[in-house]
Structure formats: structure tokens, C-alpha cells
Protein backbone atom coordinates (compact mmCIF):
# COMPACT_ATOMS: atom_id res chain seq x y z
CA MET A 1 -105.24 -84.29 -48.07
CA THR A 2 -107.23 -84.43 -44.50
CA ARG A 3 -109.63 -82.00 -43.61
CA MET A 4 -109.09 -80.16 -40.44
CA SER A 5 -111.53 -79.48 -38.14
CA PRO A 6 -112.62 -75.80 -37.51
CA LEU A 7 -111.61 -75.80 -34.15
CA CYS A 8 -108.25 -76.83 -34.48
CA ASN A 9 -105.44 -74.27 -34.72
CA PRO A 10 -102.16 -75.58 -34.97
CA THR A 11 -99.13 -73.35 -34.47
CA ASP A 12 -97.73 -75.04 -37.43
CA PHE A 13 -99.94 -73.62 -40.28
CA LEU A 14 -101.12 -70.46 -38.55
CA PRO A 15 -99.38 -68.75 -35.70
CA LEU A 16 -101.15 -67.00 -33.47
CA LYS A 17 -101.06 -63.82 -31.05
CA ALA A 18 -101.94 -64.51 -27.15
CA SER A 19 -105.47 -62.98 -26.90
CA PRO A 20 -105.73 -60.82 -23.87
CA PRO A 21 -107.74 -62.55 -20.95
CA PHE A 22 -111.65 -61.49 -20.94
CA LEU A 23 -112.84 -59.12 -18.65
CA LEU A 24 -116.28 -59.88 -17.42
CA LYS A 25 -118.21 -57.25 -15.92
CA THR A 26 -120.37 -59.04 -13.19
CA LYS A 27 -123.12 -57.27 -11.13
CA PHE A 28 -123.50 -59.08 -7.72
CA THR A 29 -127.07 -58.04 -6.02
CA THR A 30 -127.76 -58.82 -2.59
CA SER A 31 -131.31 -59.09 -1.57
CA VAL A 32 -132.21 -57.45 1.38
CA PRO A 33 -135.64 -58.22 3.10
CA SER A 34 -137.75 -55.32 3.35
CA SER A 35 -138.37 -55.44 7.10
CA ILE A 36 -134.55 -54.21 7.56
CA PRO A 37 -134.25 -50.68 6.84
CA ARG A 38 -131.52 -49.50 4.94
CA THR A 39 -129.08 -47.52 5.98
CA ARG A 40 -125.63 -45.80 4.47
CA THR A 41 -123.15 -46.50 7.77
CA PRO A 42 -120.14 -48.46 6.44
CA LEU A 43 -119.55 -51.66 6.69
CA VAL A 44 -117.69 -52.66 9.74
CA LEU A 45 -115.84 -56.29 10.26
CA ARG A 46 -115.79 -57.83 13.78
CA ASN A 47 -112.05 -58.45 13.67
CA ALA A 48 -110.87 -54.88 12.67
CA ALA A 49 -111.05 -51.64 14.32
CA PRO A 50 -113.02 -49.08 13.12
CA PRO A 51 -111.66 -46.68 10.99
CA SER A 52 -110.25 -43.20 12.20
CA LYS A 53 -109.97 -39.90 10.85
CA SER A 54 -107.05 -39.03 13.07
CA LYS A 55 -103.80 -39.76 12.00
CA PRO A 56 -101.40 -42.32 14.70
CA LYS A 57 -99.75 -40.84 17.03
CA ARG A 58 -95.76 -41.13 17.03
CA LYS A 59 -94.34 -42.30 20.11
CA ARG A 60 -92.01 -39.95 21.41
CA PHE A 61 -88.41 -41.43 21.44
CA GLN A 62 -86.72 -41.57 25.15
CA TRP A 63 -83.32 -41.99 25.92
CA ARG A 64 -83.84 -44.59 28.69
CA ILE A 65 -82.55 -48.39 28.64
CA GLN A 66 -84.85 -51.01 30.43
CA ALA A 67 -82.95 -53.46 32.08
CA SER A 68 -83.72 -57.16 33.10
CA ALA A 69 -85.64 -58.08 35.97
CA ALA A 70 -83.15 -60.19 37.18
CA SER A 71 -80.97 -57.53 37.28
CA THR A 72 -79.95 -56.03 40.73
CA ALA A 73 -78.82 -52.69 39.23
CA SER A 74 -81.74 -50.10 39.32
CA SER A 75 -84.57 -50.38 36.44
CA GLU A 76 -83.62 -47.49 34.31
CA ILE A 77 -80.34 -46.16 33.43
CA ASP A 78 -80.71 -42.00 32.33
CA MET A 79 -78.32 -41.06 29.24
CA VAL A 80 -76.92 -37.99 28.53
CA ARG A 81 -74.61 -36.42 26.44
CA ASN A 82 -70.80 -36.01 27.02
CA ASN A 83 -68.22 -33.00 25.55
CA GLN A 84 -68.13 -35.33 22.59
CA GLY A 85 -71.29 -35.50 21.59
CA VAL A 86 -71.75 -39.28 22.67
CA TRP A 87 -74.68 -40.15 24.09
CA ALA A 88 -73.40 -42.49 27.33
CA ALA A 89 -74.75 -43.78 30.48
CA LYS A 90 -75.26 -40.76 33.34
CA GLN A 91 -72.65 -41.57 36.06
CA LYS A 92 -73.85 -41.06 39.52
CA LYS A 93 -72.02 -38.39 42.00
CA VAL A 94 -70.81 -39.12 45.13
CA VAL A 95 -69.94 -37.27 48.71
CA ILE A 96 -67.19 -38.50 51.03
CA LEU A 97 -67.21 -37.11 54.45
CA TRP A 98 -64.30 -38.17 56.95
CA ASP A 99 -64.33 -38.17 60.59
CA LEU A 100 -60.72 -37.97 61.73
CA ASP A 101 -60.97 -37.96 65.17
CA ASN A 102 -63.01 -41.26 65.30
CA LYS A 103 -60.86 -42.56 62.13
CA PRO A 104 -57.54 -40.85 61.38
CA PRO A 105 -55.41 -42.56 58.50
CA ARG A 106 -53.06 -45.29 59.81
CA GLY A 107 -50.42 -44.97 57.62
CA PRO A 108 -49.20 -41.64 55.62
CA PRO A 109 -52.44 -39.14 55.06
CA TYR A 110 -52.18 -38.51 51.54
CA GLN A 111 -52.29 -42.42 50.27
CA ALA A 112 -54.97 -42.93 53.01
CA ALA A 113 -56.76 -40.22 50.79
CA MET A 114 -56.04 -41.89 47.56
CA ALA A 115 -57.18 -45.00 48.48
CA LEU A 116 -60.51 -43.91 49.94
CA ARG A 117 -61.23 -41.67 46.88
CA GLU A 118 -60.37 -44.85 44.46
CA VAL A 119 -62.92 -47.05 46.69
CA ALA A 120 -65.52 -44.05 46.34
CA GLN A 121 -65.02 -44.10 42.56
CA ARG A 122 -66.48 -47.60 42.29
CA PHE A 123 -69.71 -45.92 43.05
CA GLY A 124 -69.58 -42.87 40.96
CA GLU A 125 -67.92 -39.64 40.24
CA VAL A 126 -66.16 -38.19 43.37
CA VAL A 127 -67.37 -34.61 43.48
CA ASP A 128 -66.66 -33.46 47.16
CA ILE A 129 -64.25 -35.03 49.76
CA SER A 130 -64.61 -33.20 53.46
CA ALA A 131 -62.87 -34.17 56.61
CA TYR A 132 -63.57 -32.93 60.12
CA ALA A 133 -61.47 -32.72 63.25
CA ASN A 134 -60.11 -30.68 66.31
CA ARG A 135 -56.63 -29.68 67.04
CA HIS A 136 -55.73 -32.30 68.77
CA ALA A 137 -56.02 -34.41 65.81
CA PHE A 138 -53.16 -32.27 63.74
CA ILE A 139 -50.70 -31.86 66.52
CA HIS A 140 -50.99 -35.52 67.75
CA LEU A 141 -48.75 -38.08 66.78
CA PRO A 142 -49.51 -41.39 66.00
CA GLN A 143 -47.48 -44.80 66.53
CA TRP A 144 -46.38 -45.46 63.26
CA VAL A 145 -45.19 -41.91 63.02
CA LEU A 146 -43.08 -42.57 66.11
CA GLY A 147 -41.83 -45.70 64.81
CA GLU A 148 -40.47 -43.88 61.51
CA ARG A 149 -38.57 -41.06 63.08
CA ARG A 150 -36.88 -43.32 66.07
CA GLU A 151 -35.55 -45.57 62.89
CA ARG A 152 -34.48 -42.99 61.07
CA ARG A 153 -32.80 -41.45 63.81
CA ARG A 154 -30.79 -44.98 64.60
CA LEU A 155 -29.62 -45.05 61.07
CA ASP A 156 -28.30 -41.09 61.25
CA ILE A 157 -26.55 -42.13 64.19
CA LEU A 158 -25.11 -45.06 62.60
CA GLU A 159 -23.97 -43.61 59.58
CA ARG A 160 -22.10 -40.80 61.54
CA LYS A 161 -19.98 -43.17 63.18
CA GLY A 162 -19.23 -45.13 60.06
CA LEU A 163 -21.16 -48.46 61.22
CA SER A 164 -23.77 -48.30 58.20
CA PHE A 165 -23.46 -47.44 54.85
CA PRO A 166 -26.22 -47.10 52.26
CA ASP A 167 -26.26 -48.75 49.10
CA GLU A 168 -26.51 -45.62 47.00
CA SER A 169 -25.72 -42.03 47.90
CA TYR A 170 -27.99 -39.74 49.01
CA ILE A 171 -29.20 -37.09 46.03
CA CYS A 172 -30.64 -33.82 46.34
CA GLY A 173 -33.99 -33.77 44.67
CA VAL A 174 -33.75 -29.82 43.77
CA CYS A 175 -30.12 -29.70 42.44
CA GLY A 176 -28.80 -33.65 42.11
CA ARG A 177 -26.27 -33.18 44.61
CA LYS A 178 -25.05 -36.80 46.03
CA CYS A 179 -24.08 -36.85 49.98
CA ARG A 180 -22.36 -39.63 51.76
CA THR A 181 -24.69 -39.65 54.76
CA ASN A 182 -28.82 -38.34 55.35
CA LEU A 183 -27.66 -35.68 57.89
CA ASP A 184 -25.40 -34.36 54.86
CA LEU A 185 -28.22 -34.18 52.80
CA LYS A 186 -30.11 -32.30 55.24
CA LYS A 187 -27.42 -29.71 56.30
CA HIS A 188 -27.33 -29.15 52.55
CA PHE A 189 -30.79 -28.88 51.93
CA LYS A 190 -31.36 -26.38 54.90
CA GLN A 191 -28.22 -24.10 54.09
CA LEU A 192 -28.98 -23.59 50.47
CA HIS A 193 -32.63 -24.22 49.62
CA GLU A 194 -34.37 -23.56 52.29
CA ARG A 195 -32.48 -20.61 52.93
CA GLU A 196 -33.07 -19.31 49.29
CA ARG A 197 -36.58 -20.08 49.93
CA GLN A 198 -37.07 -18.07 53.15
CA LYS A 199 -35.61 -15.08 50.60
CA LYS A 200 -38.17 -15.50 47.99
CA LEU A 201 -41.14 -15.22 50.78
CA SER A 202 -39.60 -12.23 52.10
CA ARG A 203 -39.59 -10.73 48.68
CA MET A 204 -43.13 -12.14 47.80
CA ARG A 205 -44.10 -10.24 51.05
CA SER A 206 -42.86 -6.98 50.27
CA LEU A 207 -44.88 -7.02 47.09
CA LYS A 208 -48.81 -6.25 46.42
CA GLY A 209 -51.36 -6.68 43.74
CA LYS A 210 -50.66 -8.14 40.42
CA LYS A 211 -46.98 -8.17 41.03
CA ARG A 212 -47.32 -10.13 44.03
CA GLN A 213 -49.55 -12.59 41.98
CA ARG A 214 -47.11 -13.19 39.18
CA TYR A 215 -44.01 -13.43 41.74
CA LYS A 216 -46.02 -16.28 43.69
CA GLU A 217 -46.83 -18.42 40.34
CA ARG A 218 -43.56 -18.34 39.14
CA PHE A 219 -41.09 -18.89 42.00
CA ILE A 220 -43.26 -20.25 45.15
CA SER A 221 -46.21 -22.32 43.75
CA GLY A 222 -44.48 -23.90 40.96
CA ASN A 223 -41.53 -25.24 42.42
CA HIS A 224 -42.78 -28.73 43.06
CA LYS A 225 -39.23 -30.21 43.23
CA TYR A 226 -38.84 -28.07 46.31
CA GLU A 227 -41.75 -29.02 48.00
CA GLU A 228 -41.05 -32.62 47.50
CA ALA A 229 -37.98 -32.60 48.88
CA ALA A 230 -39.11 -30.81 52.10
CA ARG A 231 -41.63 -33.60 52.92
CA SER A 232 -38.87 -35.90 53.27
CA LEU A 233 -36.10 -34.38 54.84
CA LEU A 234 -37.93 -31.64 57.03
CA THR A 235 -39.60 -32.61 59.92
CA PRO A 236 -42.52 -30.68 60.97
CA LYS A 237 -42.72 -28.73 64.13
CA VAL A 238 -46.19 -29.56 65.21
CA GLY A 239 -47.54 -32.76 64.08
CA TYR A 240 -47.13 -34.61 61.08
CA GLY A 241 -48.39 -32.52 58.39
CA LEU A 242 -51.82 -34.27 58.23
CA ALA A 243 -53.70 -31.30 57.21
CA SER A 244 -50.97 -30.54 54.43
CA GLU A 245 -50.85 -33.83 52.99
CA LEU A 246 -55.16 -34.03 52.70
CA ARG A 247 -55.19 -31.07 51.08
CA ARG A 248 -52.70 -32.03 48.62
CA ALA A 249 -54.97 -34.93 47.89
CA GLY A 250 -57.96 -32.87 47.14
CA VAL A 251 -59.74 -32.82 50.42
CA PHE A 252 -61.27 -29.87 52.38
CA VAL A 253 -60.02 -29.80 55.75
CA LYS A 254 -61.97 -28.43 58.64
CA THR A 255 -60.96 -27.46 62.06
CA VAL A 256 -63.89 -27.74 64.75
CA GLU A 257 -63.92 -26.66 68.25
CA ASP A 258 -62.58 -28.56 70.98
CA LYS A 259 -65.66 -30.12 72.50
CA PRO A 260 -67.04 -33.32 72.69
CA GLN A 261 -68.45 -34.93 69.24
CA ALA A 262 -67.78 -31.63 67.94
CA ALA A 263 -66.38 -33.27 64.56
CA ASP A 264 -69.97 -35.53 64.39
CA TRP A 265 -72.16 -32.32 64.63
CA ALA A 266 -70.26 -30.94 62.21
CA LEU A 267 -70.14 -34.10 59.84
CA LYS A 268 -73.98 -33.77 60.47
CA ARG A 269 -74.49 -30.45 59.57
CA GLN A 270 -72.79 -31.18 56.20
CA MET A 271 -74.77 -33.93 55.71
CA GLN A 272 -78.26 -32.19 55.71
CA HIS A 273 -76.67 -29.16 53.75
CA SER A 274 -75.48 -31.69 50.97
CA MET A 275 -78.92 -33.46 50.92
CA ASN A 276 -80.33 -29.91 50.83
CA ARG A 277 -78.67 -29.26 47.43
CA GLY A 278 -79.25 -32.54 45.91
CA HIS A 279 -76.05 -32.64 43.63
CA TRP A 280 -75.13 -36.13 44.56
CA ASP A 281 -76.53 -39.66 44.14
CA ASP A 282 -74.61 -41.36 47.16
CA MET A 283 -73.35 -40.47 50.20
CA LEU A 284 -69.79 -42.13 51.86
CA ILE A 285 -69.32 -41.79 55.72
CA TYR A 286 -66.25 -43.09 56.97
CA GLY A 287 -65.71 -43.05 60.54
CA PHE A 288 -69.11 -41.74 62.02
CA HIS A 289 -69.22 -43.39 65.44
CA GLY A 290 -66.54 -45.87 64.01
CA LEU A 291 -68.78 -46.99 61.23
CA ARG A 292 -68.18 -46.98 57.48
CA LEU A 293 -71.78 -46.13 56.18
CA ARG A 294 -72.99 -46.06 52.49
CA MET A 295 -76.77 -44.27 51.85
CA GLY A 296 -78.24 -43.30 48.60
CA ARG A 297 -80.35 -40.38 47.71
């Protein structure tokens, strides 16, 4: 039998439990020279910031997006909350001033106004469109209007003589009746629908107060079929309907005095008024001394 050393403790004979680690209490002492006075100031590390009792301030969150330096747009974009409660970029507001004396429309006024609005919407939301001209701009007939009326008169003569036949019959936009020629359609419209319209207008003028307002909303203002048919069949007695077509497109039409550069002065006054209000970001001026000008606030 072999004699075991007291230092050996094999697990085959005596299973031992793991002993906890030794915790030694050590005391560090530093010797400070007697020449240096002892103070109770806290220890400050060279690379650390000094301790402060005040709590760190939280940065207020701002709804602003910083653009890159290479971007040509503005450096900051304002964020606003829309009706659905979603934050989105604030859209700029645009004001349009139109000088009809220098730049009248070269085609149908309604299409020209809508095209101008579409171009201005690229800069932001269009909040106001104003047009200025004297009375001569509304009674003057441009060449394209004279050409269209001359061509329509020639076709009417050929259809009456039986020398020209339309591909499809003319249809009334109010009642849907079919007519052989354009002159028959005009005759039908004037004898039936225009006469009925005049009766309704006479009846409206005889009423007063709320009755007149209700009658107008029911029989006069809501009759869009008659208005569309009248624009294509009836010829205005004066001019070619410039003011009415621009108002239909949402343009504020202002008639100025019959003086030289009266529209320019009215446009300048409106420009100054808009600048004083400050409810816009960009202003588009069309026709001011023959120039197309865009200015920002």
C-alpha cells in the first residue's frame, strides 16, 4: 500500500467541494511629504470633466431638417401638421399678378388661366390670382377670335346650301336633341332654352330676401348644362367673354381707368399690398412691361 502525501487530494478517494475565493483586505497607504499640505478637495482626473451637481439639459427637439451643403434648395425645411395629423414639409404660398394690357391670352382665356396656375403650382400653393386691364382689353377682338368666327360662318353657309355635311349630328347639350346643321341647333337653343332662361331670370328679379336666394341657387346657379351650351352657341354682344372666362378659372378681374399705364400702377399697388400682408412666399408677375418675373420674399 502506497503512502499518500498529505498535500495530495485526489478526487477518486475524497470528493471535495469548491472553496470560495479568498478575500484579502489590503490597506493602501500613501506617504505624503510633510511639505505638501493635506486638503479635502476631491480628486480630479486630467482627462475627465469636473463633477457638476446640476442635471444635464435636454435638447429641445425641433421639427427642422438640415439639407446638404450641395443642395440648391433652402438649408432648412419647416414642418407643419396637416389635417390628418401627419407632419409634412410646409408648402410655399404663391401670388400671381397678371397684366392683361401687356400680355393678353393668345388662346381661350380659361385654358390660358389654368395653364398659368399649373406653372405657378410648381413653386408652391397658389393662394391668389389677380388680372388687371382697362375696358379696351375686354371689348377688343384678337385675330384668333376673328379667324374662328370667320371659319364658323363659312361652314354654316356651306351646311345650309347642302355643300358640306358634318360627320355627326349636332346634339343639344341641355336636352340632347339632334340637329342637322349648326344653325338649326342655334335656332333650337334660342327659341327654347334661352327663352326659358329669361323667364327664370324675370321670376328671380321679382322675388326678395331668402326666397330670391333659394330660387337662384335652385334654377339659375346650378344650371351648368345651359352655361356650357351657351358658351359654344351664343356669341357675346361685346368682346369675346374674356372677363367671364377668367372668373370661371378663379381669377380676380379688375377693370382699371382708361389711362396710360393704369394697369401697371394697379399691379404695383397690389404688389405692395401683398408684401405688407406677408401671407406669401413667392410672387409671379406676368406681363409687367412685357417681362415674366418671379420674386421671392
